[in-house]
Amino acid sequence: CSSGGDAINVACMLIKAGKMDAAVVVGAESILSPLMINALS
C-alpha cells in the first residue's frame, strides 16, 4: 500500500542522483475480483 508514495521517493532519488531531470510518477490499482474479496474477507 505504500507503492505510490515510494514511487515518489524513488523518482526524487533518481533526480537527486542526476539520472534524470523530470519524471512522470504514477500509481494505479484495480484488484476488484471475487478472488481478492474472498481473500481479504
PDB file of all heavy atoms in Angstrom:
ATOM      1  N   CYS A   1       0.805  -1.226   0.000  1.00  0.00           N
ATOM      2  CA  CYS A   1       0.000   0.000   0.000  1.00  0.00           C
ATOM      3  C   CYS A   1       0.836   1.273   0.000  1.00  0.00           C
ATOM      4  O   CYS A   1       0.291   2.364  -0.168  1.00  0.00           O
ATOM      5  CB  CYS A   1      -0.943  -0.005   1.196  1.00  0.00           C
ATOM      6  SG  CYS A   1      -1.957  -1.491   1.282  1.00  0.00           S
ATOM      7  N   SER A   2       2.146   1.147   0.202  1.00  0.00           N
ATOM      8  CA  SER A   2       2.998   2.341   0.148  1.00  0.00           C
ATOM      9  C   SER A   2       3.625   2.524  -1.225  1.00  0.00           C
ATOM     10  O   SER A   2       4.480   3.406  -1.412  1.00  0.00           O
ATOM     11  CB  SER A   2       4.096   2.269   1.222  1.00  0.00           C
ATOM     12  OG  SER A   2       5.020   1.245   0.936  1.00  0.00           O
ATOM     13  N   SER A   3       3.208   1.725  -2.215  1.00  0.00           N
ATOM     14  CA  SER A   3       3.826   1.759  -3.550  1.00  0.00           C
ATOM     15  C   SER A   3       3.804   3.145  -4.185  1.00  0.00           C
ATOM     16  O   SER A   3       4.799   3.583  -4.773  1.00  0.00           O
ATOM     17  CB  SER A   3       3.130   0.761  -4.480  1.00  0.00           C
ATOM     18  OG  SER A   3       3.269  -0.559  -4.022  1.00  0.00           O
ATOM     19  N   GLY A   4       2.677   3.840  -4.105  1.00  0.00           N
ATOM     20  CA  GLY A   4       2.577   5.162  -4.718  1.00  0.00           C
ATOM     21  C   GLY A   4       3.507   6.172  -4.074  1.00  0.00           C
ATOM     22  O   GLY A   4       4.216   6.918  -4.757  1.00  0.00           O
ATOM     23  N   GLY A   5       3.522   6.192  -2.734  1.00  0.00           N
ATOM     24  CA  GLY A   5       4.420   7.098  -2.028  1.00  0.00           C
ATOM     25  C   GLY A   5       5.874   6.762  -2.296  1.00  0.00           C
ATOM     26  O   GLY A   5       6.713   7.646  -2.494  1.00  0.00           O
ATOM     27  N   ASP A   6       6.186   5.469  -2.325  1.00  0.00           N
ATOM     28  CA  ASP A   6       7.564   5.056  -2.588  1.00  0.00           C
ATOM     29  C   ASP A   6       7.977   5.368  -4.021  1.00  0.00           C
ATOM     30  O   ASP A   6       9.160   5.605  -4.296  1.00  0.00           O
ATOM     31  CB  ASP A   6       7.726   3.565  -2.298  1.00  0.00           C
ATOM     32  CG  ASP A   6       7.770   3.262  -0.805  1.00  0.00           C
ATOM     33  OD1 ASP A   6       8.099   4.184  -0.028  1.00  0.00           O
ATOM     34  OD2 ASP A   6       7.486   2.117  -0.408  1.00  0.00           O
ATOM     35  N   ALA A   7       7.016   5.376  -4.950  1.00  0.00           N
ATOM     36  CA  ALA A   7       7.329   5.774  -6.332  1.00  0.00           C
ATOM     37  C   ALA A   7       7.792   7.230  -6.365  1.00  0.00           C
ATOM     38  O   ALA A   7       8.735   7.580  -7.094  1.00  0.00           O
ATOM     39  CB  ALA A   7       6.115   5.570  -7.236  1.00  0.00           C
ATOM     40  N   ILE A   8       7.142   8.085  -5.591  1.00  0.00           N
ATOM     41  CA  ILE A   8       7.574   9.484  -5.496  1.00  0.00           C
ATOM     42  C   ILE A   8       8.993   9.554  -4.935  1.00  0.00           C
ATOM     43  O   ILE A   8       9.854  10.272  -5.446  1.00  0.00           O
ATOM     44  CB  ILE A   8       6.604  10.306  -4.609  1.00  0.00           C
ATOM     45  CG1 ILE A   8       5.203  10.366  -5.241  1.00  0.00           C
ATOM     46  CG2 ILE A   8       7.148  11.718  -4.379  1.00  0.00           C
ATOM     47  CD1 ILE A   8       4.151  10.989  -4.345  1.00  0.00           C
ATOM     48  N   ASN A   9       9.240   8.781  -3.893  1.00  0.00           N
ATOM     49  CA  ASN A   9      10.557   8.768  -3.250  1.00  0.00           C
ATOM     50  C   ASN A   9      11.640   8.311  -4.230  1.00  0.00           C
ATOM     51  O   ASN A   9      12.703   8.931  -4.347  1.00  0.00           O
ATOM     52  CB  ASN A   9      10.515   7.838  -2.034  1.00  0.00           C
ATOM     53  CG  ASN A   9      11.730   7.989  -1.129  1.00  0.00           C
ATOM     54  OD1 ASN A   9      12.618   8.782  -1.387  1.00  0.00           O
ATOM     55  ND2 ASN A   9      11.765   7.212  -0.063  1.00  0.00           N
ATOM     56  N   VAL A  10      11.366   7.223  -4.964  1.00  0.00           N
ATOM     57  CA  VAL A  10      12.335   6.708  -5.927  1.00  0.00           C
ATOM     58  C   VAL A  10      12.623   7.747  -7.017  1.00  0.00           C
ATOM     59  O   VAL A  10      13.774   7.962  -7.412  1.00  0.00           O
ATOM     60  CB  VAL A  10      11.844   5.385  -6.552  1.00  0.00           C
ATOM     61  CG1 VAL A  10      12.696   4.979  -7.748  1.00  0.00           C
ATOM     62  CG2 VAL A  10      11.847   4.267  -5.509  1.00  0.00           C
ATOM     63  N   ALA A  11      11.569   8.395  -7.511  1.00  0.00           N
ATOM     64  CA  ALA A  11      11.749   9.423  -8.544  1.00  0.00           C
ATOM     65  C   ALA A  11      12.610  10.573  -8.025  1.00  0.00           C
ATOM     66  O   ALA A  11      13.497  11.065  -8.737  1.00  0.00           O
ATOM     67  CB  ALA A  11      10.393   9.939  -9.007  1.00  0.00           C
ATOM     68  N   CYS A  12      12.362  10.983  -6.790  1.00  0.00           N
ATOM     69  CA  CYS A  12      13.170  12.059  -6.202  1.00  0.00           C
ATOM     70  C   CYS A  12      14.629  11.637  -6.070  1.00  0.00           C
ATOM     71  O   CYS A  12      15.551  12.422  -6.350  1.00  0.00           O
ATOM     72  CB  CYS A  12      12.612  12.459  -4.838  1.00  0.00           C
ATOM     73  SG  CYS A  12      11.060  13.377  -4.900  1.00  0.00           S
ATOM     74  N   MET A  13      14.852  10.386  -5.656  1.00  0.00           N
ATOM     75  CA  MET A  13      16.226   9.901  -5.524  1.00  0.00           C
ATOM     76  C   MET A  13      16.942   9.886  -6.875  1.00  0.00           C
ATOM     77  O   MET A  13      18.122  10.242  -6.971  1.00  0.00           O
ATOM     78  CB  MET A  13      16.233   8.516  -4.888  1.00  0.00           C
ATOM     79  CG  MET A  13      15.906   8.510  -3.405  1.00  0.00           C
ATOM     80  SD  MET A  13      16.247   6.922  -2.586  1.00  0.00           S
ATOM     81  CE  MET A  13      14.936   5.897  -3.256  1.00  0.00           C
ATOM     82  N   LEU A  14      16.246   9.468  -7.921  1.00  0.00           N
ATOM     83  CA  LEU A  14      16.848   9.431  -9.254  1.00  0.00           C
ATOM     84  C   LEU A  14      17.191  10.829  -9.756  1.00  0.00           C
ATOM     85  O   LEU A  14      18.229  11.048 -10.381  1.00  0.00           O
ATOM     86  CB  LEU A  14      15.908   8.734 -10.234  1.00  0.00           C
ATOM     87  CG  LEU A  14      15.780   7.214 -10.075  1.00  0.00           C
ATOM     88  CD1 LEU A  14      14.605   6.683 -10.892  1.00  0.00           C
ATOM     89  CD2 LEU A  14      17.068   6.517 -10.487  1.00  0.00           C
ATOM     90  N   ILE A  15      16.304  11.785  -9.464  1.00  0.00           N
ATOM     91  CA  ILE A  15      16.582  13.171  -9.858  1.00  0.00           C
ATOM     92  C   ILE A  15      17.777  13.712  -9.077  1.00  0.00           C
ATOM     93  O   ILE A  15      18.696  14.323  -9.643  1.00  0.00           O
ATOM     94  CB  ILE A  15      15.334  14.052  -9.661  1.00  0.00           C
ATOM     95  CG1 ILE A  15      14.252  13.696 -10.690  1.00  0.00           C
ATOM     96  CG2 ILE A  15      15.697  15.540  -9.772  1.00  0.00           C
ATOM     97  CD1 ILE A  15      12.924  14.400 -10.485  1.00  0.00           C
ATOM     98  N   LYS A  16      17.803  13.459  -7.763  1.00  0.00           N
ATOM     99  CA  LYS A  16      18.918  13.949  -6.936  1.00  0.00           C
ATOM    100  C   LYS A  16      20.245  13.307  -7.331  1.00  0.00           C
ATOM    101  O   LYS A  16      21.304  13.916  -7.192  1.00  0.00           O
ATOM    102  CB  LYS A  16      18.611  13.676  -5.454  1.00  0.00           C
ATOM    103  CG  LYS A  16      17.511  14.548  -4.877  1.00  0.00           C
ATOM    104  CD  LYS A  16      17.207  14.170  -3.440  1.00  0.00           C
ATOM    105  CE  LYS A  16      16.088  15.023  -2.859  1.00  0.00           C
ATOM    106  NZ  LYS A  16      15.741  14.625  -1.462  1.00  0.00           N
ATOM    107  N   ALA A  17      20.146  12.068  -7.818  1.00  0.00           N
ATOM    108  CA  ALA A  17      21.366  11.365  -8.248  1.00  0.00           C
ATOM    109  C   ALA A  17      21.839  11.811  -9.631  1.00  0.00           C
ATOM    110  O   ALA A  17      22.880  11.347 -10.111  1.00  0.00           O
ATOM    111  CB  ALA A  17      21.113   9.856  -8.248  1.00  0.00           C
ATOM    112  N   GLY A  18      21.075  12.683 -10.279  1.00  0.00           N
ATOM    113  CA  GLY A  18      21.462  13.192 -11.584  1.00  0.00           C
ATOM    114  C   GLY A  18      21.124  12.270 -12.741  1.00  0.00           C
ATOM    115  O   GLY A  18      21.598  12.469 -13.863  1.00  0.00           O
ATOM    116  N   LYS A  19      20.278  11.259 -12.487  1.00  0.00           N
ATOM    117  CA  LYS A  19      19.919  10.306 -13.537  1.00  0.00           C
ATOM    118  C   LYS A  19      18.878  10.874 -14.495  1.00  0.00           C
ATOM    119  O   LYS A  19      18.727  10.390 -15.615  1.00  0.00           O
ATOM    120  CB  LYS A  19      19.384   9.013 -12.911  1.00  0.00           C
ATOM    121  CG  LYS A  19      20.326   8.335 -11.933  1.00  0.00           C
ATOM    122  CD  LYS A  19      21.578   7.826 -12.614  1.00  0.00           C
ATOM    123  CE  LYS A  19      22.463   7.057 -11.638  1.00  0.00           C
ATOM    124  NZ  LYS A  19      23.720   6.591 -12.257  1.00  0.00           N
ATOM    125  N   MET A  20      18.124  11.854 -14.048  1.00  0.00           N
ATOM    126  CA  MET A  20      17.110  12.479 -14.898  1.00  0.00           C
ATOM    127  C   MET A  20      16.753  13.840 -14.326  1.00  0.00           C
ATOM    128  O   MET A  20      17.060  14.146 -13.171  1.00  0.00           O
ATOM    129  CB  MET A  20      15.865  11.585 -15.011  1.00  0.00           C
ATOM    130  CG  MET A  20      15.200  11.235 -13.703  1.00  0.00           C
ATOM    131  SD  MET A  20      13.873  10.018 -13.938  1.00  0.00           S
ATOM    132  CE  MET A  20      13.249   9.841 -12.260  1.00  0.00           C
ATOM    133  N   ASP A  21      16.095  14.645 -15.147  1.00  0.00           N
ATOM    134  CA  ASP A  21      15.681  15.986 -14.714  1.00  0.00           C
ATOM    135  C   ASP A  21      14.196  16.062 -14.384  1.00  0.00           C
ATOM    136  O   ASP A  21      13.771  16.957 -13.660  1.00  0.00           O
ATOM    137  CB  ASP A  21      15.987  17.012 -15.812  1.00  0.00           C
ATOM    138  CG  ASP A  21      17.468  17.115 -16.101  1.00  0.00           C
ATOM    139  OD1 ASP A  21      18.264  17.065 -15.147  1.00  0.00           O
ATOM    140  OD2 ASP A  21      17.839  17.225 -17.293  1.00  0.00           O
ATOM    141  N   ALA A  22      13.419  15.140 -14.954  1.00  0.00           N
ATOM    142  CA  ALA A  22      11.970  15.154 -14.745  1.00  0.00           C
ATOM    143  C   ALA A  22      11.444  13.728 -14.752  1.00  0.00           C
ATOM    144  O   ALA A  22      12.030  12.825 -15.364  1.00  0.00           O
ATOM    145  CB  ALA A  22      11.270  15.975 -15.831  1.00  0.00           C
ATOM    146  N   ALA A  23      10.317  13.531 -14.066  1.00  0.00           N
ATOM    147  CA  ALA A  23       9.720  12.195 -14.004  1.00  0.00           C
ATOM    148  C   ALA A  23       8.205  12.276 -14.034  1.00  0.00           C
ATOM    149  O   ALA A  23       7.595  13.183 -13.458  1.00  0.00           O
ATOM    150  CB  ALA A  23      10.153  11.466 -12.738  1.00  0.00           C
ATOM    151  N   VAL A  24       7.617  11.309 -14.739  1.00  0.00           N
ATOM    152  CA  VAL A  24       6.186  11.058 -14.642  1.00  0.00           C
ATOM    153  C   VAL A  24       6.033   9.989 -13.564  1.00  0.00           C
ATOM    154  O   VAL A  24       6.467   8.853 -13.747  1.00  0.00           O
ATOM    155  CB  VAL A  24       5.612  10.542 -15.977  1.00  0.00           C
ATOM    156  CG1 VAL A  24       4.098  10.364 -15.873  1.00  0.00           C
ATOM    157  CG2 VAL A  24       5.969  11.478 -17.117  1.00  0.00           C
ATOM    158  N   VAL A  25       5.479  10.374 -12.426  1.00  0.00           N
ATOM    159  CA  VAL A  25       5.321   9.442 -11.307  1.00  0.00           C
ATOM    160  C   VAL A  25       3.859   9.019 -11.251  1.00  0.00           C
ATOM    161  O   VAL A  25       2.966   9.869 -11.154  1.00  0.00           O
ATOM    162  CB  VAL A  25       5.728  10.082  -9.972  1.00  0.00           C
ATOM    163  CG1 VAL A  25       5.756   9.035  -8.869  1.00  0.00           C
ATOM    164  CG2 VAL A  25       7.087  10.762 -10.088  1.00  0.00           C
ATOM    165  N   VAL A  26       3.630   7.718 -11.326  1.00  0.00           N
ATOM    166  CA  VAL A  26       2.265   7.202 -11.459  1.00  0.00           C
ATOM    167  C   VAL A  26       2.001   6.102 -10.441  1.00  0.00           C
ATOM    168  O   VAL A  26       2.880   5.292 -10.142  1.00  0.00           O
ATOM    169  CB  VAL A  26       2.027   6.629 -12.876  1.00  0.00           C
ATOM    170  CG1 VAL A  26       0.542   6.372 -13.106  1.00  0.00           C
ATOM    171  CG2 VAL A  26       2.562   7.565 -13.941  1.00  0.00           C
ATOM    172  N   GLY A  27       0.789   6.074  -9.924  1.00  0.00           N
ATOM    173  CA  GLY A  27       0.333   4.962  -9.090  1.00  0.00           C
ATOM    174  C   GLY A  27      -1.011   4.507  -9.600  1.00  0.00           C
ATOM    175  O   GLY A  27      -1.845   5.338  -9.970  1.00  0.00           O
ATOM    176  N   ALA A  28      -1.238   3.199  -9.648  1.00  0.00           N
ATOM    177  CA  ALA A  28      -2.524   2.707 -10.156  1.00  0.00           C
ATOM    178  C   ALA A  28      -2.838   1.328  -9.596  1.00  0.00           C
ATOM    179  O   ALA A  28      -1.937   0.546  -9.281  1.00  0.00           O
ATOM    180  CB  ALA A  28      -2.530   2.662 -11.682  1.00  0.00           C
ATOM    181  N   GLU A  29      -4.133   1.039  -9.518  1.00  0.00           N
ATOM    182  CA  GLU A  29      -4.573  -0.253  -8.989  1.00  0.00           C
ATOM    183  C   GLU A  29      -5.995  -0.551  -9.421  1.00  0.00           C
ATOM    184  O   GLU A  29      -6.827   0.352  -9.548  1.00  0.00           O
ATOM    185  CB  GLU A  29      -4.530  -0.230  -7.456  1.00  0.00           C
ATOM    186  CG  GLU A  29      -4.214  -1.558  -6.828  1.00  0.00           C
ATOM    187  CD  GLU A  29      -2.734  -1.899  -6.926  1.00  0.00           C
ATOM    188  OE1 GLU A  29      -1.908  -1.178  -6.337  1.00  0.00           O
ATOM    189  OE2 GLU A  29      -2.412  -2.900  -7.609  1.00  0.00           O
ATOM    190  N   SER A  30      -6.246  -1.840  -9.651  1.00  0.00           N
ATOM    191  CA  SER A  30      -7.613  -2.322  -9.869  1.00  0.00           C
ATOM    192  C   SER A  30      -7.626  -3.801  -9.518  1.00  0.00           C
ATOM    193  O   SER A  30      -7.346  -4.650 -10.351  1.00  0.00           O
ATOM    194  CB  SER A  30      -8.055  -2.113 -11.321  1.00  0.00           C
ATOM    195  OG  SER A  30      -9.384  -2.550 -11.496  1.00  0.00           O
ATOM    196  N   ILE A  31      -7.950  -4.115  -8.258  1.00  0.00           N
ATOM    197  CA  ILE A  31      -7.895  -5.502  -7.797  1.00  0.00           C
ATOM    198  C   ILE A  31      -9.281  -6.106  -7.580  1.00  0.00           C
ATOM    199  O   ILE A  31      -9.387  -7.224  -7.063  1.00  0.00           O
ATOM    200  CB  ILE A  31      -7.080  -5.626  -6.493  1.00  0.00           C
ATOM    201  CG1 ILE A  31      -7.833  -5.002  -5.300  1.00  0.00           C
ATOM    202  CG2 ILE A  31      -5.706  -4.998  -6.649  1.00  0.00           C
ATOM    203  CD1 ILE A  31      -7.286  -5.401  -3.956  1.00  0.00           C
ATOM    204  N   LEU A  32     -10.317  -5.385  -7.966  1.00  0.00           N
ATOM    205  CA  LEU A  32     -11.679  -5.868  -7.706  1.00  0.00           C
ATOM    206  C   LEU A  32     -11.942  -7.179  -8.430  1.00  0.00           C
ATOM    207  O   LEU A  32     -11.952  -7.237  -9.661  1.00  0.00           O
ATOM    208  CB  LEU A  32     -12.702  -4.821  -8.136  1.00  0.00           C
ATOM    209  CG  LEU A  32     -13.144  -3.846  -7.048  1.00  0.00           C
ATOM    210  CD1 LEU A  32     -14.083  -2.811  -7.623  1.00  0.00           C
ATOM    211  CD2 LEU A  32     -13.810  -4.585  -5.897  1.00  0.00           C
ATOM    212  N   SER A  33     -12.171  -8.236  -7.668  1.00  0.00           N
ATOM    213  CA  SER A  33     -12.470  -9.556  -8.218  1.00  0.00           C
ATOM    214  C   SER A  33     -12.975 -10.429  -7.079  1.00  0.00           C
ATOM    215  O   SER A  33     -12.662 -10.170  -5.903  1.00  0.00           O
ATOM    216  CB  SER A  33     -11.228 -10.189  -8.833  1.00  0.00           C
ATOM    217  OG  SER A  33     -10.271 -10.480  -7.825  1.00  0.00           O
ATOM    218  N   PRO A  34     -13.747 -11.457  -7.390  1.00  0.00           N
ATOM    219  CA  PRO A  34     -14.192 -12.386  -6.337  1.00  0.00           C
ATOM    220  C   PRO A  34     -13.020 -12.970  -5.558  1.00  0.00           C
ATOM    221  O   PRO A  34     -13.109 -13.156  -4.336  1.00  0.00           O
ATOM    222  CB  PRO A  34     -14.950 -13.463  -7.116  1.00  0.00           C
ATOM    223  CG  PRO A  34     -15.470 -12.742  -8.316  1.00  0.00           C
ATOM    224  CD  PRO A  34     -14.384 -11.770  -8.692  1.00  0.00           C
ATOM    225  N   LEU A  35     -11.913 -13.263  -6.246  1.00  0.00           N
ATOM    226  CA  LEU A  35     -10.747 -13.837  -5.574  1.00  0.00           C
ATOM    227  C   LEU A  35     -10.233 -12.919  -4.478  1.00  0.00           C
ATOM    228  O   LEU A  35     -10.017 -13.351  -3.333  1.00  0.00           O
ATOM    229  CB  LEU A  35      -9.629 -14.092  -6.599  1.00  0.00           C
ATOM    230  CG  LEU A  35      -8.282 -14.548  -6.014  1.00  0.00           C
ATOM    231  CD1 LEU A  35      -8.403 -15.932  -5.389  1.00  0.00           C
ATOM    232  CD2 LEU A  35      -7.198 -14.532  -7.085  1.00  0.00           C
ATOM    233  N   MET A  36     -10.020 -11.644  -4.802  1.00  0.00           N
ATOM    234  CA  MET A  36      -9.445 -10.726  -3.829  1.00  0.00           C
ATOM    235  C   MET A  36     -10.429 -10.399  -2.707  1.00  0.00           C
ATOM    236  O   MET A  36     -10.026 -10.239  -1.547  1.00  0.00           O
ATOM    237  CB  MET A  36      -8.983  -9.441  -4.525  1.00  0.00           C
ATOM    238  CG  MET A  36      -7.796  -9.633  -5.458  1.00  0.00           C
ATOM    239  SD  MET A  36      -6.425 -10.515  -4.682  1.00  0.00           S
ATOM    240  CE  MET A  36      -6.094  -9.502  -3.247  1.00  0.00           C
ATOM    241  N   ILE A  37     -11.704 -10.310  -3.032  1.00  0.00           N
ATOM    242  CA  ILE A  37     -12.700 -10.064  -1.979  1.00  0.00           C
ATOM    243  C   ILE A  37     -12.727 -11.229  -1.004  1.00  0.00           C
ATOM    244  O   ILE A  37     -12.736 -11.039   0.222  1.00  0.00           O
ATOM    245  CB  ILE A  37     -14.094  -9.820  -2.600  1.00  0.00           C
ATOM    246  CG1 ILE A  37     -14.104  -8.458  -3.314  1.00  0.00           C
ATOM    247  CG2 ILE A  37     -15.177  -9.867  -1.521  1.00  0.00           C
ATOM    248  CD1 ILE A  37     -15.371  -8.179  -4.094  1.00  0.00           C
ATOM    249  N   ASN A  38     -12.705 -12.440  -1.518  1.00  0.00           N
ATOM    250  CA  ASN A  38     -12.699 -13.619  -0.636  1.00  0.00           C
ATOM    251  C   ASN A  38     -11.421 -13.676   0.191  1.00  0.00           C
ATOM    252  O   ASN A  38     -11.458 -13.969   1.388  1.00  0.00           O
ATOM    253  CB  ASN A  38     -12.860 -14.896  -1.465  1.00  0.00           C
ATOM    254  CG  ASN A  38     -14.314 -15.230  -1.732  1.00  0.00           C
ATOM    255  OD1 ASN A  38     -15.112 -15.328  -0.805  1.00  0.00           O
ATOM    256  ND2 ASN A  38     -14.676 -15.404  -2.997  1.00  0.00           N
ATOM    257  N   ALA A  39     -10.288 -13.405  -0.453  1.00  0.00           N
ATOM    258  CA  ALA A  39      -9.002 -13.481   0.253  1.00  0.00           C
ATOM    259  C   ALA A  39      -8.929 -12.472   1.391  1.00  0.00           C
ATOM    260  O   ALA A  39      -8.502 -12.799   2.508  1.00  0.00           O
ATOM    261  CB  ALA A  39      -7.864 -13.254  -0.734  1.00  0.00           C
ATOM    262  N   LEU A  40      -9.344 -11.222   1.124  1.00  0.00           N
ATOM    263  CA  LEU A  40      -9.267 -10.185   2.151  1.00  0.00           C
ATOM    264  C   LEU A  40     -10.342 -10.360   3.219  1.00  0.00           C
ATOM    265  O   LEU A  40     -10.130  -9.995   4.381  1.00  0.00           O
ATOM    266  CB  LEU A  40      -9.365  -8.809   1.499  1.00  0.00           C
ATOM    267  CG  LEU A  40      -8.138  -8.409   0.672  1.00  0.00           C
ATOM    268  CD1 LEU A  40      -8.435  -7.209  -0.214  1.00  0.00           C
ATOM    269  CD2 LEU A  40      -6.944  -8.104   1.581  1.00  0.00           C
ATOM    270  N   SER A  41     -11.475 -10.916   2.838  1.00  0.00           N
ATOM    271  CA  SER A  41     -12.525 -11.190   3.827  1.00  0.00           C
ATOM    272  C   SER A  41     -12.093 -12.290   4.788  1.00  0.00           C
ATOM    273  O   SER A  41     -12.412 -12.259   5.983  1.00  0.00           O
ATOM    274  CB  SER A  41     -13.824 -11.602   3.127  1.00  0.00           C
ATOM    275  OG  SER A  41     -14.331 -10.546   2.347  1.00  0.00           O
TER     276      SER A  41
END
